[in-house]
Amino acid sequence: MLTEILLLIIFGFIFIWSTAWIRYFNNLDERLGNSIWRWSYDYPVKGKRDISNLDDKEFVLLRRKRNKAVTLMWWIFFILFIILMSFMSKLLLILLS
């Protein structure tokens, strides 16, 4: 149970660190928006013209870095969820025994 607590703390700090990176990327260009949970699209969307690598190379590279940071944040979020469920199950076993 102690290992789950330590892992929750460590992954919690990593999660906060990853969301700080996403906020940093969002502040570099206003076209990325303010959301930390959603990916910005790299594919054509009906009704909107996507910016290709030929139009604005710096923005496309920034958007891809941000999308990688969002993917990392989601992986950390799901790992945290699994560790939390493990911790809660062990805590319930202790409380109900």
PDB file of N, CA and C in Angstrom:
ATOM      1  N   MET A   1       0.824  -1.185   0.000  1.00  0.00           N
ATOM      2  CA  MET A   1       0.000   0.000   0.000  1.00  0.00           C
ATOM      3  C   MET A   1       0.871   1.253   0.000  1.00  0.00           C
ATOM      4  N   LEU A   2       2.024   1.146   0.631  1.00  0.00           N
ATOM      5  CA  LEU A   2       2.947   2.280   0.647  1.00  0.00           C
ATOM      6  C   LEU A   2       3.467   2.584  -0.763  1.00  0.00           C
ATOM      7  N   THR A   3       3.691   1.539  -1.545  1.00  0.00           N
ATOM      8  CA  THR A   3       4.162   1.766  -2.914  1.00  0.00           C
ATOM      9  C   THR A   3       3.111   2.484  -3.754  1.00  0.00           C
ATOM     10  N   GLU A   4       1.822   2.147  -3.547  1.00  0.00           N
ATOM     11  CA  GLU A   4       0.777   2.841  -4.295  1.00  0.00           C
ATOM     12  C   GLU A   4       0.715   4.311  -3.914  1.00  0.00           C
ATOM     13  N   ILE A   5       0.899   4.613  -2.648  1.00  0.00           N
ATOM     14  CA  ILE A   5       0.884   6.012  -2.203  1.00  0.00           C
ATOM     15  C   ILE A   5       2.040   6.774  -2.833  1.00  0.00           C
ATOM     16  N   LEU A   6       3.226   6.163  -2.820  1.00  0.00           N
ATOM     17  CA  LEU A   6       4.383   6.816  -3.434  1.00  0.00           C
ATOM     18  C   LEU A   6       4.199   6.986  -4.937  1.00  0.00           C
ATOM     19  N   LEU A   7       3.661   5.966  -5.601  1.00  0.00           N
ATOM     20  CA  LEU A   7       3.417   6.073  -7.034  1.00  0.00           C
ATOM     21  C   LEU A   7       2.365   7.135  -7.348  1.00  0.00           C
ATOM     22  N   LEU A   8       1.331   7.228  -6.524  1.00  0.00           N
ATOM     23  CA  LEU A   8       0.315   8.265  -6.725  1.00  0.00           C
ATOM     24  C   LEU A   8       0.925   9.659  -6.600  1.00  0.00           C
ATOM     25  N   ILE A   9       1.793   9.844  -5.620  1.00  0.00           N
ATOM     26  CA  ILE A   9       2.439  11.144  -5.440  1.00  0.00           C
ATOM     27  C   ILE A   9       3.359  11.461  -6.618  1.00  0.00           C
ATOM     28  N   ILE A  10       4.173  10.481  -7.016  1.00  0.00           N
ATOM     29  CA  ILE A  10       5.116  10.704  -8.118  1.00  0.00           C
ATOM     30  C   ILE A  10       4.371  10.987  -9.417  1.00  0.00           C
ATOM     31  N   PHE A  11       3.389  10.144  -9.759  1.00  0.00           N
ATOM     32  CA  PHE A  11       2.649  10.351 -10.993  1.00  0.00           C
ATOM     33  C   PHE A  11       1.771  11.596 -10.921  1.00  0.00           C
ATOM     34  N   GLY A  12       1.355  11.986  -9.722  1.00  0.00           N
ATOM     35  CA  GLY A  12       0.613  13.239  -9.576  1.00  0.00           C
ATOM     36  C   GLY A  12       1.471  14.437  -9.942  1.00  0.00           C
ATOM     37  N   PHE A  13       2.710  14.439  -9.492  1.00  0.00           N
ATOM     38  CA  PHE A  13       3.620  15.528  -9.869  1.00  0.00           C
ATOM     39  C   PHE A  13       3.948  15.496 -11.356  1.00  0.00           C
ATOM     40  N   ILE A  14       4.109  14.299 -11.924  1.00  0.00           N
ATOM     41  CA  ILE A  14       4.363  14.199 -13.361  1.00  0.00           C
ATOM     42  C   ILE A  14       3.149  14.696 -14.142  1.00  0.00           C
ATOM     43  N   PHE A  15       1.942  14.402 -13.664  1.00  0.00           N
ATOM     44  CA  PHE A  15       0.723  14.882 -14.318  1.00  0.00           C
ATOM     45  C   PHE A  15       0.656  16.410 -14.287  1.00  0.00           C
ATOM     46  N   ILE A  16       0.964  17.001 -13.151  1.00  0.00           N
ATOM     47  CA  ILE A  16       0.974  18.467 -13.041  1.00  0.00           C
ATOM     48  C   ILE A  16       2.034  19.061 -13.965  1.00  0.00           C
ATOM     49  N   TRP A  17       3.197  18.416 -14.045  1.00  0.00           N
ATOM     50  CA  TRP A  17       4.264  18.870 -14.928  1.00  0.00           C
ATOM     51  C   TRP A  17       3.834  18.811 -16.388  1.00  0.00           C
ATOM     52  N   SER A  18       3.155  17.726 -16.787  1.00  0.00           N
ATOM     53  CA  SER A  18       2.725  17.600 -18.181  1.00  0.00           C
ATOM     54  C   SER A  18       1.643  18.614 -18.533  1.00  0.00           C
ATOM     55  N   THR A  19       0.724  18.901 -17.611  1.00  0.00           N
ATOM     56  CA  THR A  19      -0.291  19.923 -17.902  1.00  0.00           C
ATOM     57  C   THR A  19       0.336  21.313 -17.967  1.00  0.00           C
ATOM     58  N   ALA A  20       1.401  21.539 -17.214  1.00  0.00           N
ATOM     59  CA  ALA A  20       2.101  22.821 -17.312  1.00  0.00           C
ATOM     60  C   ALA A  20       2.744  22.979 -18.691  1.00  0.00           C
ATOM     61  N   TRP A  21       3.283  21.889 -19.243  1.00  0.00           N
ATOM     62  CA  TRP A  21       3.845  21.947 -20.598  1.00  0.00           C
ATOM     63  C   TRP A  21       2.759  22.249 -21.619  1.00  0.00           C
ATOM     64  N   ILE A  22       1.589  21.646 -21.457  1.00  0.00           N
ATOM     65  CA  ILE A  22       0.499  21.891 -22.404  1.00  0.00           C
ATOM     66  C   ILE A  22       0.070  23.354 -22.326  1.00  0.00           C
ATOM     67  N   ARG A  23      -0.035  23.899 -21.121  1.00  0.00           N
ATOM     68  CA  ARG A  23      -0.388  25.318 -20.974  1.00  0.00           C
ATOM     69  C   ARG A  23       0.687  26.212 -21.601  1.00  0.00           C
ATOM     70  N   TYR A  24       1.943  25.814 -21.456  1.00  0.00           N
ATOM     71  CA  TYR A  24       3.035  26.569 -22.072  1.00  0.00           C
ATOM     72  C   TYR A  24       2.893  26.583 -23.592  1.00  0.00           C
ATOM     73  N   PHE A  25       2.644  25.411 -24.183  1.00  0.00           N
ATOM     74  CA  PHE A  25       2.455  25.346 -25.633  1.00  0.00           C
ATOM     75  C   PHE A  25       1.240  26.150 -26.069  1.00  0.00           C
ATOM     76  N   ASN A  26       0.164  26.111 -25.277  1.00  0.00           N
ATOM     77  CA  ASN A  26      -1.036  26.880 -25.619  1.00  0.00           C
ATOM     78  C   ASN A  26      -0.749  28.378 -25.612  1.00  0.00           C
ATOM     79  N   ASN A  27       0.105  28.840 -24.730  1.00  0.00           N
ATOM     80  CA  ASN A  27       0.415  30.268 -24.643  1.00  0.00           C
ATOM     81  C   ASN A  27       1.359  30.741 -25.747  1.00  0.00           C
ATOM     82  N   LEU A  28       2.029  29.814 -26.426  1.00  0.00           N
ATOM     83  CA  LEU A  28       2.942  30.210 -27.495  1.00  0.00           C
ATOM     84  C   LEU A  28       2.203  30.675 -28.744  1.00  0.00           C
ATOM     85  N   ASP A  29       1.015  30.134 -28.989  1.00  0.00           N
ATOM     86  CA  ASP A  29       0.245  30.522 -30.174  1.00  0.00           C
ATOM     87  C   ASP A  29      -1.234  30.465 -29.829  1.00  0.00           C
ATOM     88  N   GLU A  30      -1.956  31.520 -30.124  1.00  0.00           N
ATOM     89  CA  GLU A  30      -3.375  31.605 -29.758  1.00  0.00           C
ATOM     90  C   GLU A  30      -4.241  30.659 -30.581  1.00  0.00           C
ATOM     91  N   ARG A  31      -3.748  30.174 -31.713  1.00  0.00           N
ATOM     92  CA  ARG A  31      -4.526  29.255 -32.549  1.00  0.00           C
ATOM     93  C   ARG A  31      -4.676  27.881 -31.920  1.00  0.00           C
ATOM     94  N   LEU A  32      -3.877  27.563 -30.914  1.00  0.00           N
ATOM     95  CA  LEU A  32      -3.976  26.252 -30.271  1.00  0.00           C
ATOM     96  C   LEU A  32      -5.132  26.163 -29.283  1.00  0.00           C
ATOM     97  N   GLY A  33      -5.652  27.287 -28.841  1.00  0.00           N
ATOM     98  CA  GLY A  33      -6.759  27.269 -27.890  1.00  0.00           C
ATOM     99  C   GLY A  33      -6.279  27.160 -26.459  1.00  0.00           C
ATOM    100  N   ASN A  34      -7.212  26.977 -25.543  1.00  0.00           N
ATOM    101  CA  ASN A  34      -6.878  26.925 -24.116  1.00  0.00           C
ATOM    102  C   ASN A  34      -7.090  25.560 -23.486  1.00  0.00           C
ATOM    103  N   SER A  35      -7.595  24.604 -24.214  1.00  0.00           N
ATOM    104  CA  SER A  35      -7.911  23.306 -23.652  1.00  0.00           C
ATOM    105  C   SER A  35      -6.634  22.509 -23.391  1.00  0.00           C
ATOM    106  N   ILE A  36      -6.586  21.852 -22.229  1.00  0.00           N
ATOM    107  CA  ILE A  36      -5.456  20.966 -21.956  1.00  0.00           C
ATOM    108  C   ILE A  36      -5.842  19.512 -22.186  1.00  0.00           C
ATOM    109  N   TRP A  37      -7.116  19.224 -22.426  1.00  0.00           N
ATOM    110  CA  TRP A  37      -7.580  17.845 -22.539  1.00  0.00           C
ATOM    111  C   TRP A  37      -7.718  17.377 -23.975  1.00  0.00           C
ATOM    112  N   ARG A  38      -7.867  18.302 -24.918  1.00  0.00           N
ATOM    113  CA  ARG A  38      -8.146  17.915 -26.293  1.00  0.00           C
ATOM    114  C   ARG A  38      -6.901  18.045 -27.165  1.00  0.00           C
ATOM    115  N   TRP A  39      -6.833  17.158 -28.161  1.00  0.00           N
ATOM    116  CA  TRP A  39      -5.796  17.268 -29.175  1.00  0.00           C
ATOM    117  C   TRP A  39      -6.232  18.305 -30.195  1.00  0.00           C
ATOM    118  N   SER A  40      -5.289  19.027 -30.756  1.00  0.00           N
ATOM    119  CA  SER A  40      -5.617  19.874 -31.899  1.00  0.00           C
ATOM    120  C   SER A  40      -5.505  18.996 -33.131  1.00  0.00           C
ATOM    121  N   TYR A  41      -6.329  19.234 -34.094  1.00  0.00           N
ATOM    122  CA  TYR A  41      -6.422  18.291 -35.202  1.00  0.00           C
ATOM    123  C   TYR A  41      -5.297  18.492 -36.210  1.00  0.00           C
ATOM    124  N   ASP A  42      -4.784  17.378 -36.683  1.00  0.00           N
ATOM    125  CA  ASP A  42      -3.767  17.338 -37.732  1.00  0.00           C
ATOM    126  C   ASP A  42      -4.371  16.808 -39.023  1.00  0.00           C
ATOM    127  N   TYR A  43      -5.661  16.732 -39.087  1.00  0.00           N
ATOM    128  CA  TYR A  43      -6.343  16.165 -40.230  1.00  0.00           C
ATOM    129  C   TYR A  43      -7.397  17.156 -40.713  1.00  0.00           C
ATOM    130  N   PRO A  44      -7.801  17.073 -41.967  1.00  0.00           N
ATOM    131  CA  PRO A  44      -8.788  18.024 -42.477  1.00  0.00           C
ATOM    132  C   PRO A  44     -10.147  17.839 -41.801  1.00  0.00           C
ATOM    133  N   VAL A  45     -10.765  18.919 -41.415  1.00  0.00           N
ATOM    134  CA  VAL A  45     -12.069  18.902 -40.791  1.00  0.00           C
ATOM    135  C   VAL A  45     -13.032  19.617 -41.734  1.00  0.00           C
ATOM    136  N   LYS A  46     -14.196  19.039 -41.922  1.00  0.00           N
ATOM    137  CA  LYS A  46     -15.167  19.602 -42.848  1.00  0.00           C
ATOM    138  C   LYS A  46     -15.537  21.015 -42.411  1.00  0.00           C
ATOM    139  N   GLY A  47     -15.431  21.947 -43.318  1.00  0.00           N
ATOM    140  CA  GLY A  47     -15.786  23.327 -43.015  1.00  0.00           C
ATOM    141  C   GLY A  47     -14.621  24.166 -42.538  1.00  0.00           C
ATOM    142  N   LYS A  48     -13.517  23.552 -42.168  1.00  0.00           N
ATOM    143  CA  LYS A  48     -12.343  24.296 -41.700  1.00  0.00           C
ATOM    144  C   LYS A  48     -11.143  23.885 -42.538  1.00  0.00           C
ATOM    145  N   ARG A  49     -10.336  24.832 -42.911  1.00  0.00           N
ATOM    146  CA  ARG A  49      -9.143  24.529 -43.672  1.00  0.00           C
ATOM    147  C   ARG A  49      -7.997  24.281 -42.699  1.00  0.00           C
ATOM    148  N   ASP A  50      -7.394  23.128 -42.794  1.00  0.00           N
ATOM    149  CA  ASP A  50      -6.277  22.791 -41.918  1.00  0.00           C
ATOM    150  C   ASP A  50      -5.010  23.450 -42.437  1.00  0.00           C
ATOM    151  N   ILE A  51      -4.175  23.851 -41.523  1.00  0.00           N
ATOM    152  CA  ILE A  51      -2.896  24.462 -41.885  1.00  0.00           C
ATOM    153  C   ILE A  51      -1.902  23.333 -42.126  1.00  0.00           C
ATOM    154  N   SER A  52      -1.368  23.282 -43.313  1.00  0.00           N
ATOM    155  CA  SER A  52      -0.436  22.211 -43.645  1.00  0.00           C
ATOM    156  C   SER A  52       0.985  22.640 -43.293  1.00  0.00           C
ATOM    157  N   ASN A  53       1.878  21.704 -43.470  1.00  0.00           N
ATOM    158  CA  ASN A  53       3.283  21.940 -43.191  1.00  0.00           C
ATOM    159  C   ASN A  53       3.866  22.983 -44.136  1.00  0.00           C
ATOM    160  N   LEU A  54       3.278  23.109 -45.319  1.00  0.00           N
ATOM    161  CA  LEU A  54       3.775  24.078 -46.295  1.00  0.00           C
ATOM    162  C   LEU A  54       3.308  25.495 -45.973  1.00  0.00           C
ATOM    163  N   ASP A  55       2.138  25.641 -45.344  1.00  0.00           N
ATOM    164  CA  ASP A  55       1.593  26.957 -45.029  1.00  0.00           C
ATOM    165  C   ASP A  55       2.332  27.617 -43.869  1.00  0.00           C
ATOM    166  N   ASP A  56       2.427  26.901 -42.766  1.00  0.00           N
ATOM    167  CA  ASP A  56       3.030  27.465 -41.551  1.00  0.00           C
ATOM    168  C   ASP A  56       3.774  26.347 -40.817  1.00  0.00           C
ATOM    169  N   LYS A  57       5.016  26.144 -41.192  1.00  0.00           N
ATOM    170  CA  LYS A  57       5.778  25.012 -40.670  1.00  0.00           C
ATOM    171  C   LYS A  57       5.988  25.106 -39.158  1.00  0.00           C
ATOM    172  N   GLU A  58       6.276  26.298 -38.643  1.00  0.00           N
ATOM    173  CA  GLU A  58       6.521  26.456 -37.198  1.00  0.00           C
ATOM    174  C   GLU A  58       5.277  26.110 -36.381  1.00  0.00           C
ATOM    175  N   PHE A  59       4.101  26.545 -36.858  1.00  0.00           N
ATOM    176  CA  PHE A  59       2.867  26.253 -36.133  1.00  0.00           C
ATOM    177  C   PHE A  59       2.550  24.763 -36.152  1.00  0.00           C
ATOM    178  N   VAL A  60       2.764  24.119 -37.290  1.00  0.00           N
ATOM    179  CA  VAL A  60       2.481  22.687 -37.392  1.00  0.00           C
ATOM    180  C   VAL A  60       3.405  21.904 -36.474  1.00  0.00           C
ATOM    181  N   LEU A  61       4.679  22.271 -36.411  1.00  0.00           N
ATOM    182  CA  LEU A  61       5.614  21.595 -35.504  1.00  0.00           C
ATOM    183  C   LEU A  61       5.237  21.840 -34.045  1.00  0.00           C
ATOM    184  N   LEU A  62       4.816  23.070 -33.718  1.00  0.00           N
ATOM    185  CA  LEU A  62       4.367  23.377 -32.355  1.00  0.00           C
ATOM    186  C   LEU A  62       3.119  22.579 -32.008  1.00  0.00           C
ATOM    187  N   ARG A  63       2.189  22.472 -32.965  1.00  0.00           N
ATOM    188  CA  ARG A  63       0.956  21.721 -32.728  1.00  0.00           C
ATOM    189  C   ARG A  63       1.259  20.245 -32.500  1.00  0.00           C
ATOM    190  N   ARG A  64       2.215  19.701 -33.249  1.00  0.00           N
ATOM    191  CA  ARG A  64       2.569  18.290 -33.054  1.00  0.00           C
ATOM    192  C   ARG A  64       3.244  18.058 -31.711  1.00  0.00           C
ATOM    193  N   LYS A  65       4.089  19.000 -31.270  1.00  0.00           N
ATOM    194  CA  LYS A  65       4.702  18.889 -29.936  1.00  0.00           C
ATOM    195  C   LYS A  65       3.634  18.929 -28.859  1.00  0.00           C
ATOM    196  N   ARG A  66       2.674  19.844 -29.024  1.00  0.00           N
ATOM    197  CA  ARG A  66       1.586  19.959 -28.051  1.00  0.00           C
ATOM    198  C   ARG A  66       0.748  18.683 -28.024  1.00  0.00           C
ATOM    199  N   ASN A  67       0.462  18.113 -29.196  1.00  0.00           N
ATOM    200  CA  ASN A  67      -0.319  16.885 -29.245  1.00  0.00           C
ATOM    201  C   ASN A  67       0.425  15.721 -28.588  1.00  0.00           C
ATOM    202  N   LYS A  68       1.744  15.691 -28.717  1.00  0.00           N
ATOM    203  CA  LYS A  68       2.524  14.660 -28.020  1.00  0.00           C
ATOM    204  C   LYS A  68       2.446  14.858 -26.506  1.00  0.00           C
ATOM    205  N   ALA A  69       2.472  16.120 -26.064  1.00  0.00           N
ATOM    206  CA  ALA A  69       2.346  16.404 -24.633  1.00  0.00           C
ATOM    207  C   ALA A  69       0.959  16.014 -24.121  1.00  0.00           C
ATOM    208  N   VAL A  70      -0.078  16.225 -24.924  1.00  0.00           N
ATOM    209  CA  VAL A  70      -1.436  15.829 -24.531  1.00  0.00           C
ATOM    210  C   VAL A  70      -1.532  14.308 -24.457  1.00  0.00           C
ATOM    211  N   THR A  71      -0.908  13.607 -25.398  1.00  0.00           N
ATOM    212  CA  THR A  71      -0.904  12.139 -25.364  1.00  0.00           C
ATOM    213  C   THR A  71      -0.207  11.634 -24.112  1.00  0.00           C
ATOM    214  N   LEU A  72       0.939  12.222 -23.778  1.00  0.00           N
ATOM    215  CA  LEU A  72       1.647  11.849 -22.555  1.00  0.00           C
ATOM    216  C   LEU A  72       0.784  12.110 -21.320  1.00  0.00           C
ATOM    217  N   MET A  73       0.094  13.246 -21.309  1.00  0.00           N
ATOM    218  CA  MET A  73      -0.768  13.576 -20.177  1.00  0.00           C
ATOM    219  C   MET A  73      -1.886  12.541 -20.023  1.00  0.00           C
ATOM    220  N   TRP A  74      -2.492  12.107 -21.133  1.00  0.00           N
ATOM    221  CA  TRP A  74      -3.550  11.104 -21.055  1.00  0.00           C
ATOM    222  C   TRP A  74      -3.011   9.763 -20.571  1.00  0.00           C
ATOM    223  N   TRP A  75      -1.810   9.358 -21.004  1.00  0.00           N
ATOM    224  CA  TRP A  75      -1.213   8.115 -20.512  1.00  0.00           C
ATOM    225  C   TRP A  75      -0.990   8.180 -19.004  1.00  0.00           C
ATOM    226  N   ILE A  76      -0.491   9.305 -18.547  1.00  0.00           N
ATOM    227  CA  ILE A  76      -0.260   9.471 -17.108  1.00  0.00           C
ATOM    228  C   ILE A  76      -1.581   9.434 -16.356  1.00  0.00           C
ATOM    229  N   PHE A  77      -2.604  10.066 -16.921  1.00  0.00           N
ATOM    230  CA  PHE A  77      -3.929  10.071 -16.301  1.00  0.00           C
ATOM    231  C   PHE A  77      -4.461   8.645 -16.134  1.00  0.00           C
ATOM    232  N   PHE A  78      -4.355   7.808 -17.166  1.00  0.00           N
ATOM    233  CA  PHE A  78      -4.853   6.437 -17.076  1.00  0.00           C
ATOM    234  C   PHE A  78      -4.007   5.584 -16.139  1.00  0.00           C
ATOM    235  N   ILE A  79      -2.712   5.800 -16.122  1.00  0.00           N
ATOM    236  CA  ILE A  79      -1.858   5.076 -15.162  1.00  0.00           C
ATOM    237  C   ILE A  79      -2.221   5.475 -13.740  1.00  0.00           C
ATOM    238  N   LEU A  80      -2.459   6.771 -13.517  1.00  0.00           N
ATOM    239  CA  LEU A  80      -2.905   7.222 -12.200  1.00  0.00           C
ATOM    240  C   LEU A  80      -4.219   6.566 -11.803  1.00  0.00           C
ATOM    241  N   PHE A  81      -5.142   6.440 -12.741  1.00  0.00           N
ATOM    242  CA  PHE A  81      -6.423   5.806 -12.458  1.00  0.00           C
ATOM    243  C   PHE A  81      -6.237   4.350 -12.039  1.00  0.00           C
ATOM    244  N   ILE A  82      -5.382   3.630 -12.745  1.00  0.00           N
ATOM    245  CA  ILE A  82      -5.143   2.222 -12.403  1.00  0.00           C
ATOM    246  C   ILE A  82      -4.496   2.101 -11.026  1.00  0.00           C
ATOM    247  N   ILE A  83      -3.523   2.949 -10.730  1.00  0.00           N
ATOM    248  CA  ILE A  83      -2.873   2.916  -9.422  1.00  0.00           C
ATOM    249  C   ILE A  83      -3.862   3.284  -8.324  1.00  0.00           C
ATOM    250  N   LEU A  84      -4.714   4.276  -8.588  1.00  0.00           N
ATOM    251  CA  LEU A  84      -5.720   4.676  -7.604  1.00  0.00           C
ATOM    252  C   LEU A  84      -6.701   3.543  -7.327  1.00  0.00           C
ATOM    253  N   MET A  85      -7.116   2.823  -8.358  1.00  0.00           N
ATOM    254  CA  MET A  85      -8.035   1.696  -8.147  1.00  0.00           C
ATOM    255  C   MET A  85      -7.359   0.580  -7.356  1.00  0.00           C
ATOM    256  N   SER A  86      -6.090   0.354  -7.608  1.00  0.00           N
ATOM    257  CA  SER A  86      -5.346  -0.641  -6.834  1.00  0.00           C
ATOM    258  C   SER A  86      -5.264  -0.219  -5.371  1.00  0.00           C
ATOM    259  N   PHE A  87      -4.968   1.047  -5.143  1.00  0.00           N
ATOM    260  CA  PHE A  87      -4.891   1.576  -3.786  1.00  0.00           C
ATOM    261  C   PHE A  87      -6.244   1.467  -3.081  1.00  0.00           C
ATOM    262  N   MET A  88      -7.312   1.831  -3.784  1.00  0.00           N
ATOM    263  CA  MET A  88      -8.644   1.782  -3.173  1.00  0.00           C
ATOM    264  C   MET A  88      -9.062   0.350  -2.852  1.00  0.00           C
ATOM    265  N   SER A  89      -8.729  -0.599  -3.712  1.00  0.00           N
ATOM    266  CA  SER A  89      -9.076  -1.992  -3.437  1.00  0.00           C
ATOM    267  C   SER A  89      -8.327  -2.530  -2.223  1.00  0.00           C
ATOM    268  N   LYS A  90      -7.059  -2.184  -2.102  1.00  0.00           N
ATOM    269  CA  LYS A  90      -6.297  -2.625  -0.925  1.00  0.00           C
ATOM    270  C   LYS A  90      -6.810  -1.945   0.344  1.00  0.00           C
ATOM    271  N   LEU A  91      -7.181  -0.679   0.222  1.00  0.00           N
ATOM    272  CA  LEU A  91      -7.735   0.033   1.381  1.00  0.00           C
ATOM    273  C   LEU A  91      -9.073  -0.564   1.800  1.00  0.00           C
ATOM    274  N   LEU A  92      -9.918  -0.914   0.853  1.00  0.00           N
ATOM    275  CA  LEU A  92     -11.197  -1.544   1.181  1.00  0.00           C
ATOM    276  C   LEU A  92     -10.998  -2.925   1.783  1.00  0.00           C
ATOM    277  N   LEU A  93     -10.018  -3.663   1.298  1.00  0.00           N
ATOM    278  CA  LEU A  93      -9.738  -4.972   1.897  1.00  0.00           C
ATOM    279  C   LEU A  93      -9.296  -4.837   3.348  1.00  0.00           C
ATOM    280  N   ILE A  94      -8.517  -3.821   3.637  1.00  0.00           N
ATOM    281  CA  ILE A  94      -8.071  -3.585   5.018  1.00  0.00           C
ATOM    282  C   ILE A  94      -9.242  -3.152   5.888  1.00  0.00           C
ATOM    283  N   LEU A  95     -10.075  -2.248   5.368  1.00  0.00           N
ATOM    284  CA  LEU A  95     -11.199  -1.744   6.162  1.00  0.00           C
ATOM    285  C   LEU A  95     -12.279  -2.795   6.391  1.00  0.00           C
ATOM    286  N   LEU A  96     -12.510  -3.660   5.436  1.00  0.00           N
ATOM    287  CA  LEU A  96     -13.574  -4.647   5.558  1.00  0.00           C
ATOM    288  C   LEU A  96     -13.125  -5.947   6.205  1.00  0.00           C
ATOM    289  N   SER A  97     -11.822  -6.107   6.463  1.00  0.00           N
ATOM    290  CA  SER A  97     -11.342  -7.336   7.114  1.00  0.00           C
ATOM    291  C   SER A  97     -11.512  -7.265   8.599  1.00  0.00           C
TER     292      SER A  97
END
